[in-house]
Protein backbone atom coordinates (compact mmCIF):
# COMPACT_ATOMS: atom_id res chain seq x y z
CA MET A 1 40.18 105.60 71.02
CA TYR A 2 37.92 104.84 68.59
CA ASP A 3 35.24 107.19 66.83
CA LEU A 4 31.24 106.75 66.98
CA PRO A 5 28.94 107.59 65.46
CA PRO A 6 27.33 110.61 66.77
CA ASP A 7 23.46 109.23 66.17
CA LEU A 8 21.40 106.89 67.65
CA ASP A 9 20.26 104.28 65.05
CA ARG A 10 24.56 103.64 64.39
CA LEU A 11 25.32 103.29 67.65
CA ARG A 12 22.61 100.95 68.09
CA THR A 13 23.33 98.56 65.49
CA LEU A 14 26.80 98.90 66.62
CA GLU A 15 25.71 97.96 70.16
CA THR A 16 23.84 94.57 68.47
CA TRP A 17 26.46 94.27 65.87
CA LEU A 18 29.35 94.05 69.43
CA THR A 19 26.39 91.84 71.13
CA LEU A 20 26.50 89.60 67.98
CA THR A 21 29.83 89.53 68.03
CA LEU A 22 30.72 89.36 71.91
CA ASP A 23 27.73 86.09 72.05
CA ARG A 24 30.01 84.02 69.27
CA VAL A 25 33.79 84.24 71.56
CA ARG A 26 31.54 83.49 74.67
CA GLN A 27 30.66 79.96 72.47
CA GLN A 28 33.99 79.16 71.16
CA ILE A 29 35.17 80.19 74.19
CA LYS A 30 33.54 77.14 75.86
CA ASP A 31 33.21 74.87 72.70
CA ILE A 32 37.45 75.33 73.25
CA GLU A 33 36.83 74.54 77.01
CA GLN A 34 34.75 72.15 76.49
CA ARG A 35 37.39 70.27 73.86
CA GLN A 36 40.07 70.31 76.47
CA GLN A 37 37.85 68.52 79.67
CA PRO A 38 39.78 65.15 80.24
CA ALA A 39 36.80 62.52 79.16
CA PRO A 40 34.53 61.19 82.05
CA ALA A 41 35.86 58.07 83.94
CA PRO A 42 33.88 54.86 82.45
CA PRO A 43 31.26 53.80 85.10
CA PRO A 44 32.09 51.28 87.62
CA ALA A 45 32.42 47.94 86.62
CA PRO A 46 29.24 45.79 88.01
CA PRO A 47 30.30 43.21 90.98
CA ARG A 48 32.09 40.41 89.64
CA ARG A 49 30.25 37.24 90.43
CA PRO A 50 31.31 34.60 92.72
CA ARG A 51 33.44 32.16 90.40
CA THR A 52 31.87 29.06 90.37
CA PRO A 53 33.13 26.27 92.36
CA ASP A 54 34.07 22.68 91.03
CA TRP A 55 32.40 21.26 93.84
CA GLY A 56 29.83 21.35 96.85
CA ILE A 57 28.14 19.22 99.44
CA VAL A 58 24.08 19.88 100.17
CA GLN A 59 23.96 18.20 103.90
CA ALA A 60 21.26 15.77 105.35
CA GLY A 61 17.97 17.89 106.08
CA ILE A 62 14.34 18.33 104.46
CA GLY A 63 13.85 18.02 101.30
CA THR A 64 17.43 16.16 101.33
CA PRO A 65 17.24 12.36 103.21
CA THR A 66 21.76 11.84 103.33
CA THR A 67 23.88 13.82 102.00
CA GLU A 68 24.92 14.49 98.34
CA ILE A 69 27.91 15.35 96.67
CA HIS A 70 27.87 17.51 93.47
CA ARG A 71 29.93 19.45 90.67
CA GLY A 72 29.99 23.30 91.00
CA ASP A 73 28.06 23.25 88.16
CA CYS A 74 25.36 21.22 89.11
CA TRP A 75 21.42 22.17 87.93
CA ALA A 76 19.68 19.91 90.86
CA ALA A 77 22.30 20.87 93.37
CA GLY A 78 19.73 23.59 94.79
CA LYS A 79 20.75 27.01 97.10
CA THR A 80 22.58 25.81 99.79
CA LEU A 81 25.43 24.23 97.54
CA THR A 82 29.05 24.17 100.10
CA PRO A 83 31.98 25.11 97.94
CA ILE A 84 34.30 22.49 98.98
CA THR A 85 38.12 20.91 97.96
CA ALA A 86 37.92 17.84 95.52
CA GLU A 87 40.04 16.09 98.46
CA ARG A 88 36.77 16.21 100.64
CA ALA A 89 34.25 15.61 98.27
CA ARG A 90 36.35 11.97 97.70
CA THR A 91 36.03 12.07 101.59
CA GLU A 92 32.48 12.59 102.17
CA LEU A 93 32.06 9.92 98.94
CA GLY A 94 34.79 7.11 100.58
CA ASP A 95 32.21 7.52 104.21
CA GLY A 96 29.27 7.38 102.35
CA ALA A 97 28.23 10.77 100.68
CA LYS A 98 25.84 10.41 97.74
CA PRO A 99 27.07 11.14 94.02
CA CYS A 100 24.37 13.24 92.42
CA ASP A 101 22.20 11.14 90.35
CA ALA A 102 22.19 14.00 87.84
CA CYS A 103 26.27 15.88 87.38
CA ARG A 104 27.94 12.16 88.84
CA PRO A 105 30.63 13.95 90.09
CA ASP A 106 32.37 10.00 91.02
CA ARG A 107 32.99 9.35 87.76
CA PRO A 108 35.65 12.62 87.40
CA LEU A 109 36.83 12.27 91.32
CA GLY A 110 38.35 8.78 90.21
CA MET A 111 35.61 6.88 92.87
CA PRO A 112 34.37 4.11 91.60
CA PRO A 113 29.98 3.83 91.31
CA PRO A 114 27.39 3.69 94.26
CA GLY A 115 27.07 0.06 94.91
CA PRO A 116 23.85 -0.58 94.97
């Protein structure tokens, strides 16, 4: 096979060189394996916010003396806004529900303004 040196000093030197070479080979293998790994999957998307309804109703109760109709994006609707369809909003307004004074849902719904 190979002729090795007969003295201990040269054998130790050869051992050190082989160890360093083996470390370099192993590092090169690691680098290549990492490059061949598929890219990690992106993190999952955050949950989507529910769609803002076009219209909503706030039922009469504590703090709300009458049933009110709001546009879905109305700042004055509070947290109890229940989504409804445009047709139901028109029906509720026709049956006496009060349109919100801030967002005036009666205008885009084509309803006559509330009476005095």
